[in-house]
Amino acid sequence: MRHTEFWERLEAALGPGYYRSWASQVVMADLDRRTAQEALDAGVPPKQVWAAVWRQLELPDRDR
């Protein structure tokens, strides 16, 4: 997964007005107590970050 796909999926899940702020504010245990943005900035692969987001948001299997 590329960064662009990650951001597209997050926008689809949360909406265009909220997804970026969510990514920079919500701390997730699955990402070592980092936000999605912090994890991406630290070099965590977008696929791994998406998996944590998917679990956090309890998205349907089709969005995995």
N, C-alpha and C. Protein backbone atom coordinates (compact mmCIF):
# COMPACT_ATOMS: atom_id res chain seq x y z
N MET A 1 0.84 -1.17 0.00
CA MET A 1 0.00 0.00 0.00
C MET A 1 0.89 1.24 0.00
N ARG A 2 0.52 2.19 -0.82
CA ARG A 2 1.25 3.47 -0.86
C ARG A 2 0.60 4.46 0.10
N HIS A 3 1.35 5.51 0.40
CA HIS A 3 0.80 6.56 1.26
C HIS A 3 -0.48 7.15 0.69
N THR A 4 -0.52 7.34 -0.62
CA THR A 4 -1.71 7.93 -1.23
C THR A 4 -2.94 7.04 -1.02
N GLU A 5 -2.75 5.73 -1.13
CA GLU A 5 -3.87 4.82 -0.90
C GLU A 5 -4.32 4.86 0.56
N PHE A 6 -3.34 4.93 1.47
CA PHE A 6 -3.69 5.04 2.89
C PHE A 6 -4.58 6.25 3.13
N TRP A 7 -4.16 7.42 2.62
CA TRP A 7 -4.93 8.64 2.84
C TRP A 7 -6.29 8.59 2.16
N GLU A 8 -6.37 7.98 0.99
CA GLU A 8 -7.66 7.83 0.31
C GLU A 8 -8.62 6.97 1.13
N ARG A 9 -8.10 5.88 1.67
CA ARG A 9 -8.94 5.00 2.48
C ARG A 9 -9.40 5.70 3.76
N LEU A 10 -8.49 6.43 4.38
CA LEU A 10 -8.85 7.12 5.61
C LEU A 10 -9.89 8.20 5.34
N GLU A 11 -9.73 8.91 4.25
CA GLU A 11 -10.72 9.93 3.88
C GLU A 11 -12.08 9.29 3.61
N ALA A 12 -12.09 8.16 2.93
CA ALA A 12 -13.35 7.46 2.66
C ALA A 12 -14.02 7.00 3.95
N ALA A 13 -13.22 6.59 4.92
CA ALA A 13 -13.76 6.09 6.18
C ALA A 13 -14.28 7.20 7.08
N LEU A 14 -13.60 8.35 7.07
CA LEU A 14 -13.91 9.40 8.04
C LEU A 14 -14.49 10.68 7.44
N GLY A 15 -14.33 10.86 6.16
CA GLY A 15 -14.84 12.07 5.52
C GLY A 15 -13.74 13.10 5.31
N PRO A 16 -13.93 13.95 4.30
CA PRO A 16 -12.88 14.90 3.91
C PRO A 16 -12.58 15.98 4.95
N GLY A 17 -13.53 16.28 5.81
CA GLY A 17 -13.30 17.34 6.77
C GLY A 17 -12.68 16.88 8.08
N TYR A 18 -12.50 15.58 8.25
CA TYR A 18 -12.08 15.05 9.55
C TYR A 18 -10.86 14.14 9.51
N TYR A 19 -10.60 13.50 8.40
CA TYR A 19 -9.61 12.42 8.39
C TYR A 19 -8.20 12.87 8.75
N ARG A 20 -7.78 14.04 8.30
CA ARG A 20 -6.41 14.51 8.61
C ARG A 20 -6.26 14.84 10.09
N SER A 21 -7.26 15.49 10.67
CA SER A 21 -7.14 15.82 12.09
C SER A 21 -7.20 14.55 12.94
N TRP A 22 -8.03 13.58 12.54
CA TRP A 22 -8.08 12.32 13.27
C TRP A 22 -6.71 11.65 13.25
N ALA A 23 -6.08 11.64 12.08
CA ALA A 23 -4.78 10.97 11.93
C ALA A 23 -3.70 11.63 12.78
N SER A 24 -3.87 12.89 13.10
CA SER A 24 -2.84 13.58 13.89
C SER A 24 -3.20 13.69 15.36
N GLN A 25 -4.40 13.22 15.76
CA GLN A 25 -4.82 13.38 17.15
C GLN A 25 -5.06 12.09 17.91
N VAL A 26 -5.48 11.04 17.22
CA VAL A 26 -5.85 9.80 17.90
C VAL A 26 -4.62 8.91 18.09
N VAL A 27 -4.29 8.66 19.34
CA VAL A 27 -3.15 7.81 19.70
C VAL A 27 -3.63 6.37 19.78
N MET A 28 -2.86 5.47 19.17
CA MET A 28 -3.25 4.06 19.12
C MET A 28 -2.19 3.17 19.76
N ALA A 29 -2.63 2.29 20.63
CA ALA A 29 -1.72 1.35 21.27
C ALA A 29 -1.03 0.46 20.23
N ASP A 30 -1.76 0.10 19.17
CA ASP A 30 -1.19 -0.77 18.13
C ASP A 30 -0.03 -0.11 17.38
N LEU A 31 0.10 1.19 17.53
CA LEU A 31 1.20 1.92 16.87
C LEU A 31 2.19 2.45 17.90
N ASP A 32 2.34 1.70 18.99
CA ASP A 32 3.28 2.08 20.06
C ASP A 32 2.95 3.46 20.63
N ARG A 33 1.65 3.68 20.85
CA ARG A 33 1.18 4.93 21.46
C ARG A 33 1.49 6.15 20.60
N ARG A 34 1.37 5.96 19.29
CA ARG A 34 1.56 7.07 18.34
C ARG A 34 0.27 7.26 17.56
N THR A 35 0.18 8.43 16.94
CA THR A 35 -0.92 8.66 16.00
C THR A 35 -0.55 8.03 14.66
N ALA A 36 -1.53 7.95 13.78
CA ALA A 36 -1.25 7.43 12.44
C ALA A 36 -0.21 8.31 11.75
N GLN A 37 -0.35 9.62 11.88
CA GLN A 37 0.59 10.54 11.25
C GLN A 37 2.00 10.37 11.81
N GLU A 38 2.12 10.25 13.12
CA GLU A 38 3.43 10.04 13.73
C GLU A 38 4.06 8.73 13.27
N ALA A 39 3.25 7.68 13.17
CA ALA A 39 3.76 6.39 12.73
C ALA A 39 4.25 6.47 11.28
N LEU A 40 3.48 7.11 10.42
CA LEU A 40 3.91 7.26 9.03
C LEU A 40 5.19 8.09 8.95
N ASP A 41 5.25 9.17 9.71
CA ASP A 41 6.44 10.02 9.73
C ASP A 41 7.67 9.28 10.24
N ALA A 42 7.45 8.29 11.11
CA ALA A 42 8.55 7.50 11.66
C ALA A 42 8.98 6.36 10.75
N GLY A 43 8.28 6.21 9.62
CA GLY A 43 8.66 5.17 8.66
C GLY A 43 7.90 3.86 8.76
N VAL A 44 6.87 3.83 9.58
CA VAL A 44 6.05 2.62 9.65
C VAL A 44 5.32 2.47 8.31
N PRO A 45 5.34 1.30 7.71
CA PRO A 45 4.69 1.11 6.41
C PRO A 45 3.20 1.45 6.47
N PRO A 46 2.69 2.13 5.44
CA PRO A 46 1.28 2.50 5.42
C PRO A 46 0.33 1.31 5.61
N LYS A 47 0.70 0.15 5.11
CA LYS A 47 -0.15 -1.04 5.27
C LYS A 47 -0.30 -1.40 6.75
N GLN A 48 0.78 -1.28 7.49
CA GLN A 48 0.76 -1.58 8.93
C GLN A 48 -0.06 -0.52 9.67
N VAL A 49 0.10 0.73 9.29
CA VAL A 49 -0.67 1.80 9.92
C VAL A 49 -2.15 1.61 9.60
N TRP A 50 -2.47 1.27 8.36
CA TRP A 50 -3.87 1.06 8.00
C TRP A 50 -4.48 -0.07 8.81
N ALA A 51 -3.74 -1.14 9.03
CA ALA A 51 -4.26 -2.26 9.83
C ALA A 51 -4.63 -1.79 11.23
N ALA A 52 -3.81 -0.95 11.82
CA ALA A 52 -4.10 -0.40 13.15
C ALA A 52 -5.33 0.51 13.11
N VAL A 53 -5.41 1.33 12.08
CA VAL A 53 -6.57 2.23 11.91
C VAL A 53 -7.83 1.40 11.72
N TRP A 54 -7.76 0.39 10.89
CA TRP A 54 -8.90 -0.48 10.62
C TRP A 54 -9.44 -1.09 11.91
N ARG A 55 -8.53 -1.56 12.76
CA ARG A 55 -8.95 -2.13 14.04
C ARG A 55 -9.53 -1.05 14.96
N GLN A 56 -8.87 0.08 15.03
CA GLN A 56 -9.30 1.18 15.90
C GLN A 56 -10.71 1.66 15.54
N LEU A 57 -10.97 1.79 14.27
CA LEU A 57 -12.27 2.29 13.81
C LEU A 57 -13.32 1.19 13.69
N GLU A 58 -12.89 -0.06 13.88
CA GLU A 58 -13.79 -1.21 13.75
C GLU A 58 -14.52 -1.18 12.41
N LEU A 59 -13.73 -1.02 11.36
CA LEU A 59 -14.27 -0.97 10.00
C LEU A 59 -14.65 -2.37 9.53
N PRO A 60 -15.53 -2.45 8.55
CA PRO A 60 -15.94 -3.78 8.04
C PRO A 60 -14.79 -4.49 7.32
N ASP A 61 -14.91 -5.79 7.23
CA ASP A 61 -13.87 -6.61 6.60
C ASP A 61 -13.56 -6.15 5.18
N ARG A 62 -14.56 -5.65 4.46
CA ARG A 62 -14.32 -5.23 3.07
C ARG A 62 -13.32 -4.09 2.98
N ASP A 63 -13.13 -3.35 4.08
CA ASP A 63 -12.19 -2.23 4.09
C ASP A 63 -10.78 -2.62 4.54
N ARG A 64 -10.60 -3.87 4.84
CA ARG A 64 -9.30 -4.32 5.33
C ARG A 64 -8.32 -4.20 4.24
